[in-house]
Amino acid sequence: MIVLDNVIVSMGFSPDDSEVSGQVKVSLKDAGRLRSLTLECRCATSQRVRPDALLIGEAIQQLRRSPRVRSGEVRLEFAKGLKPIETARAA
């Protein structure tokens, strides 16, 4: 499974700014087929990490927790030259 691209579709903060949430659209090549997934992401905010980076990181963690990746059936790889955070800014 190769991650080709990712884009933050939506992003928002909790009323007290302690959490960031949003949707991350991930384009994949899986078993020769192109797929697109939209993942719901939520995580605690950080003074050291940008909110877009937190959401992209959470999306990647969700992909790593998928049954096929966890079982070792497929490996999670990234397209050559993919810069997830720069891509995320396009949203």
C-alpha atoms as a PDB file:
ATOM      1  CA  MET A   1       0.000   0.000   0.000  1.00  0.00           C
ATOM      2  CA  ILE A   2       1.623   3.223  -1.167  1.00  0.00           C
ATOM      3  CA  VAL A   3       0.490   6.623   0.102  1.00  0.00           C
ATOM      4  CA  LEU A   4       0.540   8.895  -2.946  1.00  0.00           C
ATOM      5  CA  ASP A   5      -0.892  12.097  -1.502  1.00  0.00           C
ATOM      6  CA  ASN A   6      -2.788  13.552   1.435  1.00  0.00           C
ATOM      7  CA  VAL A   7      -4.861  16.689   1.867  1.00  0.00           C
ATOM      8  CA  ILE A   8      -6.584  18.118   4.912  1.00  0.00           C
ATOM      9  CA  VAL A   9     -10.207  18.532   3.860  1.00  0.00           C
ATOM     10  CA  SER A  10     -11.374  20.239   7.061  1.00  0.00           C
ATOM     11  CA  MET A  11      -9.824  21.320  10.330  1.00  0.00           C
ATOM     12  CA  GLY A  12     -11.222  22.792  13.540  1.00  0.00           C
ATOM     13  CA  PHE A  13     -10.444  23.237  17.209  1.00  0.00           C
ATOM     14  CA  SER A  14     -12.299  22.410  20.396  1.00  0.00           C
ATOM     15  CA  PRO A  15     -13.741  25.430  22.269  1.00  0.00           C
ATOM     16  CA  ASP A  16     -10.788  25.432  24.676  1.00  0.00           C
ATOM     17  CA  ASP A  17      -8.225  24.793  21.874  1.00  0.00           C
ATOM     18  CA  SER A  18      -7.051  21.596  23.585  1.00  0.00           C
ATOM     19  CA  GLU A  19      -7.919  19.394  20.562  1.00  0.00           C
ATOM     20  CA  VAL A  20      -7.688  19.680  16.810  1.00  0.00           C
ATOM     21  CA  SER A  21      -9.961  17.602  14.591  1.00  0.00           C
ATOM     22  CA  GLY A  22     -10.551  17.265  10.905  1.00  0.00           C
ATOM     23  CA  GLN A  23     -10.746  15.090   7.858  1.00  0.00           C
ATOM     24  CA  VAL A  24      -7.674  13.968   5.934  1.00  0.00           C
ATOM     25  CA  LYS A  25      -8.096  12.638   2.406  1.00  0.00           C
ATOM     26  CA  VAL A  26      -5.417  10.056   1.577  1.00  0.00           C
ATOM     27  CA  SER A  27      -4.759   8.802  -1.958  1.00  0.00           C
ATOM     28  CA  LEU A  28      -3.338   5.275  -2.083  1.00  0.00           C
ATOM     29  CA  LYS A  29      -2.195   2.672  -4.538  1.00  0.00           C
ATOM     30  CA  ASP A  30      -3.240  -0.671  -3.115  1.00  0.00           C
ATOM     31  CA  ALA A  31      -2.813  -3.942  -5.001  1.00  0.00           C
ATOM     32  CA  GLY A  32      -2.443  -1.990  -8.243  1.00  0.00           C
ATOM     33  CA  ARG A  33      -5.664  -0.015  -7.725  1.00  0.00           C
ATOM     34  CA  LEU A  34      -5.942   3.671  -6.914  1.00  0.00           C
ATOM     35  CA  ARG A  35      -8.049   4.390  -3.840  1.00  0.00           C
ATOM     36  CA  SER A  36      -9.019   7.437  -1.882  1.00  0.00           C
ATOM     37  CA  LEU A  37      -9.879   7.371   1.822  1.00  0.00           C
ATOM     38  CA  THR A  38     -11.172  10.184   3.995  1.00  0.00           C
ATOM     39  CA  LEU A  39     -10.110   9.664   7.593  1.00  0.00           C
ATOM     40  CA  GLU A  40     -11.656  11.371  10.616  1.00  0.00           C
ATOM     41  CA  CYS A  41      -8.821  12.542  12.849  1.00  0.00           C
ATOM     42  CA  ARG A  42      -8.740  14.059  16.337  1.00  0.00           C
ATOM     43  CA  CYS A  43      -5.795  14.671  18.634  1.00  0.00           C
ATOM     44  CA  ALA A  44      -4.550  16.890  21.434  1.00  0.00           C
ATOM     45  CA  THR A  45      -2.983  20.172  20.359  1.00  0.00           C
ATOM     46  CA  SER A  46       0.673  20.857  21.001  1.00  0.00           C
ATOM     47  CA  GLN A  47       2.786  23.959  21.503  1.00  0.00           C
ATOM     48  CA  ARG A  48       5.598  22.318  19.518  1.00  0.00           C
ATOM     49  CA  VAL A  49       3.792  20.698  16.573  1.00  0.00           C
ATOM     50  CA  ARG A  50       1.615  22.456  13.995  1.00  0.00           C
ATOM     51  CA  PRO A  51      -2.055  21.382  13.886  1.00  0.00           C
ATOM     52  CA  ASP A  52      -1.822  20.240  10.250  1.00  0.00           C
ATOM     53  CA  ALA A  53       1.144  18.022  11.125  1.00  0.00           C
ATOM     54  CA  LEU A  54      -0.809  16.521  14.026  1.00  0.00           C
ATOM     55  CA  LEU A  55      -3.734  15.620  11.747  1.00  0.00           C
ATOM     56  CA  ILE A  56      -1.503  14.110   9.057  1.00  0.00           C
ATOM     57  CA  GLY A  57       0.329  12.127  11.742  1.00  0.00           C
ATOM     58  CA  GLU A  58      -2.955  10.817  13.121  1.00  0.00           C
ATOM     59  CA  ALA A  59      -4.090   9.790   9.615  1.00  0.00           C
ATOM     60  CA  ILE A  60      -0.853   7.857   9.091  1.00  0.00           C
ATOM     61  CA  GLN A  61      -1.284   6.176  12.485  1.00  0.00           C
ATOM     62  CA  GLN A  62      -4.797   5.092  11.463  1.00  0.00           C
ATOM     63  CA  LEU A  63      -3.412   3.563   8.273  1.00  0.00           C
ATOM     64  CA  ARG A  64      -0.765   1.715  10.288  1.00  0.00           C
ATOM     65  CA  ARG A  65      -3.494   0.307  12.558  1.00  0.00           C
ATOM     66  CA  SER A  66      -5.480  -1.105   9.633  1.00  0.00           C
ATOM     67  CA  PRO A  67      -5.788  -4.897   9.818  1.00  0.00           C
ATOM     68  CA  ARG A  68      -3.906  -5.617   6.588  1.00  0.00           C
ATOM     69  CA  VAL A  69      -0.937  -3.481   7.622  1.00  0.00           C
ATOM     70  CA  ARG A  70      -0.869  -4.754  11.224  1.00  0.00           C
ATOM     71  CA  SER A  71      -0.990  -8.377  10.098  1.00  0.00           C
ATOM     72  CA  GLY A  72       1.943  -7.847   7.738  1.00  0.00           C
ATOM     73  CA  GLU A  73      -0.160  -8.687   4.675  1.00  0.00           C
ATOM     74  CA  VAL A  74       0.814  -5.329   3.166  1.00  0.00           C
ATOM     75  CA  ARG A  75       3.474  -2.743   3.958  1.00  0.00           C
ATOM     76  CA  LEU A  76       2.678   0.926   4.303  1.00  0.00           C
ATOM     77  CA  GLU A  77       4.990   2.876   2.027  1.00  0.00           C
ATOM     78  CA  PHE A  78       5.141   6.465   0.822  1.00  0.00           C
ATOM     79  CA  ALA A  79       5.572   7.754  -2.721  1.00  0.00           C
ATOM     80  CA  LYS A  80       9.047   8.992  -3.494  1.00  0.00           C
ATOM     81  CA  GLY A  81       9.298  12.694  -2.756  1.00  0.00           C
ATOM     82  CA  LEU A  82       6.019  12.867  -0.821  1.00  0.00           C
ATOM     83  CA  LYS A  83       6.186  15.700   1.687  1.00  0.00           C
ATOM     84  CA  PRO A  84       3.016  15.210   3.743  1.00  0.00           C
ATOM     85  CA  ILE A  85       3.007  18.542   5.544  1.00  0.00           C
ATOM     86  CA  GLU A  86       3.659  20.600   2.407  1.00  0.00           C
ATOM     87  CA  THR A  87       0.841  18.714   0.707  1.00  0.00           C
ATOM     88  CA  ALA A  88      -1.417  19.380   3.678  1.00  0.00           C
ATOM     89  CA  ARG A  89      -0.997  23.141   3.264  1.00  0.00           C
ATOM     90  CA  ALA A  90      -2.794  22.939  -0.076  1.00  0.00           C
ATOM     91  CA  ALA A  91      -6.097  22.431   1.774  1.00  0.00           C
END
